[in-house]
Amino acid sequence: MINVIFPPPEVVLTKKEKKEKKEAKEVTDASAKQRAAEKIKVAEEKDREERRERRAKQAEYIDAHS
């Protein structure tokens, strides 16, 4: 004879609870992706600004020494 052990009722999630949990996870995933995208955008803008400053310094140096 096979003994089947069921988890206690408080561990088993209903379909509605499973759906809510999945939706909550999707929301956090989306917000995490949005935060990551914002961080990337800020880093790219900082990079562009640094390149502009470097080019300006190079141009000044070239003008001064030509």
Foldseek 3Di string as FASTA:
>chain_A
DDDDDDDPPVVDDDPVRVVVVVVVVVVVVVVVVVVVVVVVVVVVVVVVVVVVVVVVVVVVVVVVVD
